[in-house]
Amino acid sequence: MSALDAVSRRRISKLNPRQRKKLHVAEYQELGFDIHVTFKAPLDDAAMTAFINDTLDYADQRGWMLGGLGGHLPLTETSAFVCKAARGSLGEEDRDAFVAWFKARADVATATADALVDVWHGWLE
């Protein structure tokens, strides 16, 4: 444990529940993940639009929100950050389900997801 972790824990322990909720820390922490997808063949404009629409429909059905996707045409790879649309955290099962959904697609060569990270603090590290 670093000195910063000890200071952070001490600081968080002094916050009341309302403050912890507002700052999205402790029991109010929310987790998300990055997903990376490569395609079997480069996607043109129509194929990219269909891929993005399918992905957004799947995420919307599960109550998720995506940041990213797309890129320069022809599209050979893309990535996105995934989190809950409402309050709450995604879990390992959500991450695994999204990777499996991508791998089941005929146009996807590989799909990987990074570890769960805090959506509000430190996800750019």
N, C-alpha and C. Protein backbone atom coordinates (compact mmCIF):
# COMPACT_ATOMS: atom_id res chain seq x y z
N MET A 1 0.85 -1.18 0.00
CA MET A 1 0.00 0.00 0.00
C MET A 1 0.89 1.24 0.00
N SER A 2 0.63 2.15 -0.90
CA SER A 2 1.43 3.37 -0.97
C SER A 2 0.92 4.39 0.05
N ALA A 3 1.73 5.41 0.26
CA ALA A 3 1.34 6.48 1.19
C ALA A 3 0.08 7.19 0.69
N LEU A 4 -0.05 7.31 -0.64
CA LEU A 4 -1.22 7.96 -1.21
C LEU A 4 -2.49 7.17 -0.90
N ASP A 5 -2.41 5.83 -0.97
CA ASP A 5 -3.57 5.01 -0.64
C ASP A 5 -4.00 5.22 0.80
N ALA A 6 -3.02 5.29 1.71
CA ALA A 6 -3.33 5.50 3.13
C ALA A 6 -4.00 6.85 3.35
N VAL A 7 -3.49 7.88 2.69
CA VAL A 7 -4.09 9.22 2.80
C VAL A 7 -5.50 9.20 2.22
N SER A 8 -5.68 8.56 1.08
CA SER A 8 -7.00 8.50 0.45
C SER A 8 -7.99 7.77 1.33
N ARG A 9 -7.58 6.64 1.91
CA ARG A 9 -8.48 5.89 2.79
C ARG A 9 -8.86 6.72 4.02
N ARG A 10 -7.89 7.42 4.57
CA ARG A 10 -8.14 8.25 5.75
C ARG A 10 -9.11 9.38 5.37
N ARG A 11 -8.90 9.98 4.22
CA ARG A 11 -9.77 11.07 3.77
C ARG A 11 -11.19 10.57 3.53
N ILE A 12 -11.31 9.43 2.87
CA ILE A 12 -12.63 8.87 2.57
C ILE A 12 -13.37 8.50 3.85
N SER A 13 -12.64 8.00 4.85
CA SER A 13 -13.30 7.60 6.10
C SER A 13 -13.90 8.79 6.83
N LYS A 14 -13.44 9.99 6.53
CA LYS A 14 -13.97 11.19 7.19
C LYS A 14 -15.19 11.77 6.46
N LEU A 15 -15.51 11.24 5.29
CA LEU A 15 -16.66 11.74 4.53
C LEU A 15 -17.94 11.06 5.01
N ASN A 16 -19.03 11.82 4.99
CA ASN A 16 -20.32 11.21 5.33
C ASN A 16 -20.89 10.54 4.07
N PRO A 17 -21.95 9.72 4.21
CA PRO A 17 -22.48 9.00 3.05
C PRO A 17 -22.88 9.91 1.88
N ARG A 18 -23.45 11.06 2.17
CA ARG A 18 -23.84 11.98 1.09
C ARG A 18 -22.62 12.43 0.30
N GLN A 19 -21.53 12.74 1.00
CA GLN A 19 -20.31 13.18 0.33
C GLN A 19 -19.69 12.03 -0.48
N ARG A 20 -19.68 10.82 0.09
CA ARG A 20 -19.13 9.67 -0.64
C ARG A 20 -19.93 9.41 -1.90
N LYS A 21 -21.25 9.57 -1.82
CA LYS A 21 -22.10 9.36 -3.00
C LYS A 21 -21.82 10.41 -4.06
N LYS A 22 -21.71 11.66 -3.64
CA LYS A 22 -21.46 12.75 -4.57
C LYS A 22 -20.11 12.59 -5.27
N LEU A 23 -19.11 12.09 -4.53
CA LEU A 23 -17.76 11.91 -5.08
C LEU A 23 -17.55 10.55 -5.74
N HIS A 24 -18.56 9.68 -5.69
CA HIS A 24 -18.48 8.34 -6.30
C HIS A 24 -17.30 7.54 -5.75
N VAL A 25 -17.17 7.50 -4.42
CA VAL A 25 -16.10 6.74 -3.78
C VAL A 25 -16.68 5.73 -2.80
N ALA A 26 -15.82 4.84 -2.33
CA ALA A 26 -16.18 3.79 -1.36
C ALA A 26 -17.33 2.95 -1.92
N GLU A 27 -18.42 2.83 -1.18
CA GLU A 27 -19.52 1.97 -1.62
C GLU A 27 -20.25 2.52 -2.84
N TYR A 28 -19.96 3.75 -3.26
CA TYR A 28 -20.60 4.37 -4.42
C TYR A 28 -19.69 4.37 -5.65
N GLN A 29 -18.57 3.67 -5.58
CA GLN A 29 -17.65 3.59 -6.71
C GLN A 29 -18.35 2.89 -7.88
N GLU A 30 -18.09 3.35 -9.10
CA GLU A 30 -18.66 2.76 -10.30
C GLU A 30 -17.53 2.29 -11.20
N LEU A 31 -17.69 1.08 -11.75
CA LEU A 31 -16.63 0.48 -12.57
C LEU A 31 -17.08 0.30 -14.01
N GLY A 32 -16.13 0.40 -14.93
CA GLY A 32 -16.34 0.17 -16.35
C GLY A 32 -15.08 -0.43 -16.94
N PHE A 33 -15.06 -0.60 -18.27
CA PHE A 33 -13.90 -1.22 -18.91
C PHE A 33 -13.75 -0.73 -20.35
N ASP A 34 -12.54 -0.88 -20.87
CA ASP A 34 -12.24 -0.62 -22.28
C ASP A 34 -12.39 -1.91 -23.05
N ILE A 35 -12.95 -1.82 -24.26
CA ILE A 35 -13.06 -2.98 -25.15
C ILE A 35 -12.33 -2.64 -26.45
N HIS A 36 -11.60 -3.61 -26.99
CA HIS A 36 -10.82 -3.43 -28.22
C HIS A 36 -11.24 -4.50 -29.21
N VAL A 37 -11.56 -4.08 -30.44
CA VAL A 37 -12.06 -4.99 -31.47
C VAL A 37 -11.24 -4.80 -32.74
N THR A 38 -10.82 -5.91 -33.36
CA THR A 38 -10.20 -5.86 -34.69
C THR A 38 -11.09 -6.67 -35.63
N PHE A 39 -11.11 -6.27 -36.88
CA PHE A 39 -12.00 -6.88 -37.86
C PHE A 39 -11.24 -7.81 -38.80
N LYS A 40 -11.96 -8.80 -39.33
CA LYS A 40 -11.36 -9.76 -40.27
C LYS A 40 -10.98 -9.07 -41.57
N ALA A 41 -11.81 -8.14 -42.00
CA ALA A 41 -11.55 -7.35 -43.21
C ALA A 41 -11.93 -5.91 -42.89
N PRO A 42 -11.24 -4.95 -43.51
CA PRO A 42 -11.58 -3.54 -43.26
C PRO A 42 -13.05 -3.25 -43.58
N LEU A 43 -13.68 -2.45 -42.73
CA LEU A 43 -15.09 -2.10 -42.92
C LEU A 43 -15.21 -0.80 -43.71
N ASP A 44 -16.13 -0.79 -44.68
CA ASP A 44 -16.43 0.45 -45.39
C ASP A 44 -17.48 1.22 -44.58
N ASP A 45 -17.96 2.31 -45.14
CA ASP A 45 -18.89 3.18 -44.42
C ASP A 45 -20.17 2.46 -44.02
N ALA A 46 -20.78 1.73 -44.95
CA ALA A 46 -22.04 1.04 -44.66
C ALA A 46 -21.85 -0.05 -43.61
N ALA A 47 -20.78 -0.82 -43.73
CA ALA A 47 -20.51 -1.90 -42.77
C ALA A 47 -20.19 -1.33 -41.39
N MET A 48 -19.46 -0.21 -41.35
CA MET A 48 -19.14 0.42 -40.08
C MET A 48 -20.41 0.92 -39.40
N THR A 49 -21.29 1.55 -40.16
CA THR A 49 -22.55 2.05 -39.61
C THR A 49 -23.39 0.90 -39.05
N ALA A 50 -23.46 -0.21 -39.78
CA ALA A 50 -24.22 -1.37 -39.30
C ALA A 50 -23.59 -1.93 -38.03
N PHE A 51 -22.26 -2.03 -37.99
CA PHE A 51 -21.56 -2.54 -36.81
C PHE A 51 -21.83 -1.65 -35.59
N ILE A 52 -21.71 -0.35 -35.77
CA ILE A 52 -21.93 0.58 -34.66
C ILE A 52 -23.38 0.52 -34.18
N ASN A 53 -24.33 0.48 -35.11
CA ASN A 53 -25.74 0.39 -34.72
C ASN A 53 -26.04 -0.89 -33.95
N ASP A 54 -25.50 -2.02 -34.42
CA ASP A 54 -25.68 -3.30 -33.71
C ASP A 54 -25.09 -3.23 -32.31
N THR A 55 -23.89 -2.66 -32.21
CA THR A 55 -23.20 -2.57 -30.92
C THR A 55 -23.98 -1.67 -29.96
N LEU A 56 -24.44 -0.53 -30.44
CA LEU A 56 -25.20 0.38 -29.59
C LEU A 56 -26.54 -0.23 -29.17
N ASP A 57 -27.19 -0.98 -30.06
CA ASP A 57 -28.44 -1.66 -29.70
C ASP A 57 -28.20 -2.67 -28.59
N TYR A 58 -27.12 -3.46 -28.72
CA TYR A 58 -26.79 -4.46 -27.69
C TYR A 58 -26.52 -3.78 -26.35
N ALA A 59 -25.71 -2.72 -26.38
CA ALA A 59 -25.37 -2.01 -25.15
C ALA A 59 -26.62 -1.37 -24.53
N ASP A 60 -27.48 -0.80 -25.35
CA ASP A 60 -28.70 -0.15 -24.85
C ASP A 60 -29.63 -1.17 -24.19
N GLN A 61 -29.74 -2.36 -24.76
CA GLN A 61 -30.58 -3.40 -24.18
C GLN A 61 -30.09 -3.80 -22.79
N ARG A 62 -28.80 -3.69 -22.55
CA ARG A 62 -28.22 -4.08 -21.26
C ARG A 62 -28.10 -2.90 -20.31
N GLY A 63 -28.48 -1.70 -20.75
CA GLY A 63 -28.41 -0.52 -19.88
C GLY A 63 -27.00 0.04 -19.76
N TRP A 64 -26.21 -0.13 -20.83
CA TRP A 64 -24.83 0.35 -20.84
C TRP A 64 -24.71 1.59 -21.70
N MET A 65 -23.60 2.28 -21.52
CA MET A 65 -23.27 3.46 -22.31
C MET A 65 -21.86 3.26 -22.86
N LEU A 66 -21.64 3.67 -24.11
CA LEU A 66 -20.33 3.52 -24.75
C LEU A 66 -19.75 4.88 -25.10
N GLY A 67 -18.46 4.99 -24.95
CA GLY A 67 -17.73 6.17 -25.43
C GLY A 67 -16.64 5.69 -26.35
N GLY A 68 -16.68 6.12 -27.59
CA GLY A 68 -15.68 5.67 -28.54
C GLY A 68 -16.34 5.07 -29.76
N LEU A 69 -15.78 3.97 -30.23
CA LEU A 69 -16.15 3.29 -31.48
C LEU A 69 -15.79 4.18 -32.66
N GLY A 70 -15.86 3.62 -33.83
CA GLY A 70 -15.55 4.38 -35.04
C GLY A 70 -14.07 4.49 -35.28
N GLY A 71 -13.71 5.37 -36.18
CA GLY A 71 -12.33 5.57 -36.57
C GLY A 71 -12.26 6.00 -38.02
N HIS A 72 -11.07 5.94 -38.59
CA HIS A 72 -10.87 6.33 -39.99
C HIS A 72 -11.17 5.16 -40.91
N LEU A 73 -11.86 5.45 -42.00
CA LEU A 73 -12.19 4.42 -42.99
C LEU A 73 -10.99 4.17 -43.89
N PRO A 74 -10.76 2.96 -44.33
CA PRO A 74 -11.48 1.75 -43.96
C PRO A 74 -11.14 1.34 -42.54
N LEU A 75 -12.14 0.94 -41.79
CA LEU A 75 -11.98 0.65 -40.36
C LEU A 75 -11.45 -0.77 -40.16
N THR A 76 -10.26 -0.88 -39.56
CA THR A 76 -9.66 -2.19 -39.29
C THR A 76 -9.74 -2.56 -37.82
N GLU A 77 -9.87 -1.55 -36.95
CA GLU A 77 -10.00 -1.80 -35.51
C GLU A 77 -10.70 -0.62 -34.87
N THR A 78 -11.26 -0.86 -33.70
CA THR A 78 -11.93 0.19 -32.95
C THR A 78 -11.90 -0.17 -31.47
N SER A 79 -12.21 0.81 -30.64
CA SER A 79 -12.27 0.56 -29.20
C SER A 79 -13.31 1.50 -28.59
N ALA A 80 -13.72 1.16 -27.38
CA ALA A 80 -14.71 1.97 -26.68
C ALA A 80 -14.56 1.77 -25.18
N PHE A 81 -15.00 2.76 -24.42
CA PHE A 81 -15.10 2.62 -22.97
C PHE A 81 -16.55 2.32 -22.66
N VAL A 82 -16.79 1.33 -21.81
CA VAL A 82 -18.14 0.85 -21.51
C VAL A 82 -18.42 1.05 -20.02
N CYS A 83 -19.59 1.63 -19.72
CA CYS A 83 -20.02 1.78 -18.33
C CYS A 83 -21.54 1.73 -18.29
N LYS A 84 -22.10 1.73 -17.09
CA LYS A 84 -23.56 1.73 -16.93
C LYS A 84 -24.11 3.09 -17.36
N ALA A 85 -25.30 3.08 -17.96
CA ALA A 85 -25.95 4.34 -18.32
C ALA A 85 -26.51 5.01 -17.07
N ALA A 86 -26.96 4.23 -16.12
CA ALA A 86 -27.46 4.75 -14.84
C ALA A 86 -26.39 4.50 -13.79
N ARG A 87 -26.68 4.85 -12.55
CA ARG A 87 -25.72 4.58 -11.47
C ARG A 87 -25.48 3.08 -11.36
N GLY A 88 -24.26 2.73 -11.02
CA GLY A 88 -23.93 1.33 -10.81
C GLY A 88 -22.66 0.94 -11.53
N SER A 89 -22.24 -0.27 -11.30
CA SER A 89 -20.99 -0.78 -11.86
C SER A 89 -21.25 -1.95 -12.78
N LEU A 90 -20.37 -2.09 -13.74
CA LEU A 90 -20.33 -3.30 -14.55
C LEU A 90 -19.45 -4.31 -13.83
N GLY A 91 -19.67 -5.57 -14.09
CA GLY A 91 -18.89 -6.62 -13.46
C GLY A 91 -18.13 -7.46 -14.47
N GLU A 92 -17.42 -8.44 -13.96
CA GLU A 92 -16.66 -9.35 -14.81
C GLU A 92 -17.58 -10.06 -15.80
N GLU A 93 -18.79 -10.44 -15.34
CA GLU A 93 -19.72 -11.15 -16.22
C GLU A 93 -20.19 -10.26 -17.36
N ASP A 94 -20.35 -8.96 -17.12
CA ASP A 94 -20.72 -8.03 -18.18
C ASP A 94 -19.59 -7.92 -19.21
N ARG A 95 -18.38 -7.80 -18.71
CA ARG A 95 -17.21 -7.70 -19.59
C ARG A 95 -17.08 -8.96 -20.44
N ASP A 96 -17.21 -10.12 -19.82
CA ASP A 96 -17.09 -11.38 -20.55
C ASP A 96 -18.22 -11.54 -21.57
N ALA A 97 -19.43 -11.10 -21.22
CA ALA A 97 -20.57 -11.20 -22.13
C ALA A 97 -20.36 -10.33 -23.36
N PHE A 98 -19.80 -9.13 -23.18
CA PHE A 98 -19.58 -8.25 -24.32
C PHE A 98 -18.49 -8.81 -25.24
N VAL A 99 -17.43 -9.34 -24.67
CA VAL A 99 -16.37 -9.95 -25.48
C VAL A 99 -16.95 -11.13 -26.26
N ALA A 100 -17.75 -11.97 -25.61
CA ALA A 100 -18.35 -13.12 -26.28
C ALA A 100 -19.29 -12.68 -27.40
N TRP A 101 -20.05 -11.59 -27.18
CA TRP A 101 -20.95 -11.08 -28.21
C TRP A 101 -20.16 -10.63 -29.43
N PHE A 102 -19.06 -9.92 -29.21
CA PHE A 102 -18.22 -9.48 -30.33
C PHE A 102 -17.62 -10.67 -31.06
N LYS A 103 -17.09 -11.64 -30.33
CA LYS A 103 -16.45 -12.80 -30.95
C LYS A 103 -17.44 -13.64 -31.76
N ALA A 104 -18.72 -13.58 -31.43
CA ALA A 104 -19.74 -14.33 -32.16
C ALA A 104 -20.08 -13.67 -33.50
N ARG A 105 -19.68 -12.44 -33.69
CA ARG A 105 -19.96 -11.73 -34.94
C ARG A 105 -19.03 -12.23 -36.04
N ALA A 106 -19.56 -12.36 -37.25
CA ALA A 106 -18.79 -12.87 -38.39
C ALA A 106 -17.70 -11.90 -38.83
N ASP A 107 -17.89 -10.60 -38.59
CA ASP A 107 -16.92 -9.61 -39.08
C ASP A 107 -15.79 -9.31 -38.09
N VAL A 108 -15.83 -9.89 -36.89
CA VAL A 108 -14.83 -9.60 -35.86
C VAL A 108 -13.77 -10.69 -35.81
N ALA A 109 -12.50 -10.27 -35.87
CA ALA A 109 -11.38 -11.22 -35.77
C ALA A 109 -11.02 -11.44 -34.30
N THR A 110 -10.83 -10.36 -33.55
CA THR A 110 -10.49 -10.47 -32.14
C THR A 110 -11.26 -9.42 -31.34
N ALA A 111 -11.53 -9.77 -30.10
CA ALA A 111 -12.16 -8.83 -29.16
C ALA A 111 -11.55 -9.09 -27.79
N THR A 112 -11.06 -8.02 -27.17
CA THR A 112 -10.48 -8.14 -25.84
C THR A 112 -11.00 -6.99 -24.98
N ALA A 113 -11.04 -7.23 -23.69
CA ALA A 113 -11.48 -6.20 -22.74
C ALA A 113 -10.42 -6.04 -21.67
N ASP A 114 -10.18 -4.80 -21.28
CA ASP A 114 -9.23 -4.51 -20.21
C ASP A 114 -9.89 -4.77 -18.86
N ALA A 115 -9.11 -4.66 -17.81
CA ALA A 115 -9.61 -4.85 -16.45
C ALA A 115 -10.62 -3.75 -16.11
N LEU A 116 -11.47 -4.04 -15.14
CA LEU A 116 -12.42 -3.04 -14.66
C LEU A 116 -11.67 -1.90 -13.99
N VAL A 117 -12.11 -0.67 -14.28
CA VAL A 117 -11.48 0.52 -13.71
C VAL A 117 -12.57 1.45 -13.17
N ASP A 118 -12.17 2.34 -12.29
CA ASP A 118 -13.07 3.33 -11.72
C ASP A 118 -13.49 4.30 -12.83
N VAL A 119 -14.79 4.45 -13.02
CA VAL A 119 -15.32 5.31 -14.08
C VAL A 119 -15.06 6.79 -13.80
N TRP A 120 -15.07 7.17 -12.53
CA TRP A 120 -14.97 8.58 -12.17
C TRP A 120 -13.56 9.04 -11.82
N HIS A 121 -12.73 8.14 -11.33
CA HIS A 121 -11.40 8.53 -10.85
C HIS A 121 -10.34 7.59 -11.38
N GLY A 122 -9.37 8.11 -12.10
CA GLY A 122 -8.21 7.33 -12.46
C GLY A 122 -8.33 6.43 -13.66
N TRP A 123 -9.38 6.53 -14.46
CA TRP A 123 -9.49 5.63 -15.61
C TRP A 123 -8.55 6.02 -16.74
N LEU A 124 -7.97 7.19 -16.70
CA LEU A 124 -7.00 7.60 -17.73
C LEU A 124 -5.58 7.19 -17.39
N GLU A 125 -5.37 6.59 -16.23
CA GLU A 125 -4.01 6.23 -15.81
C GLU A 125 -3.46 5.09 -16.61
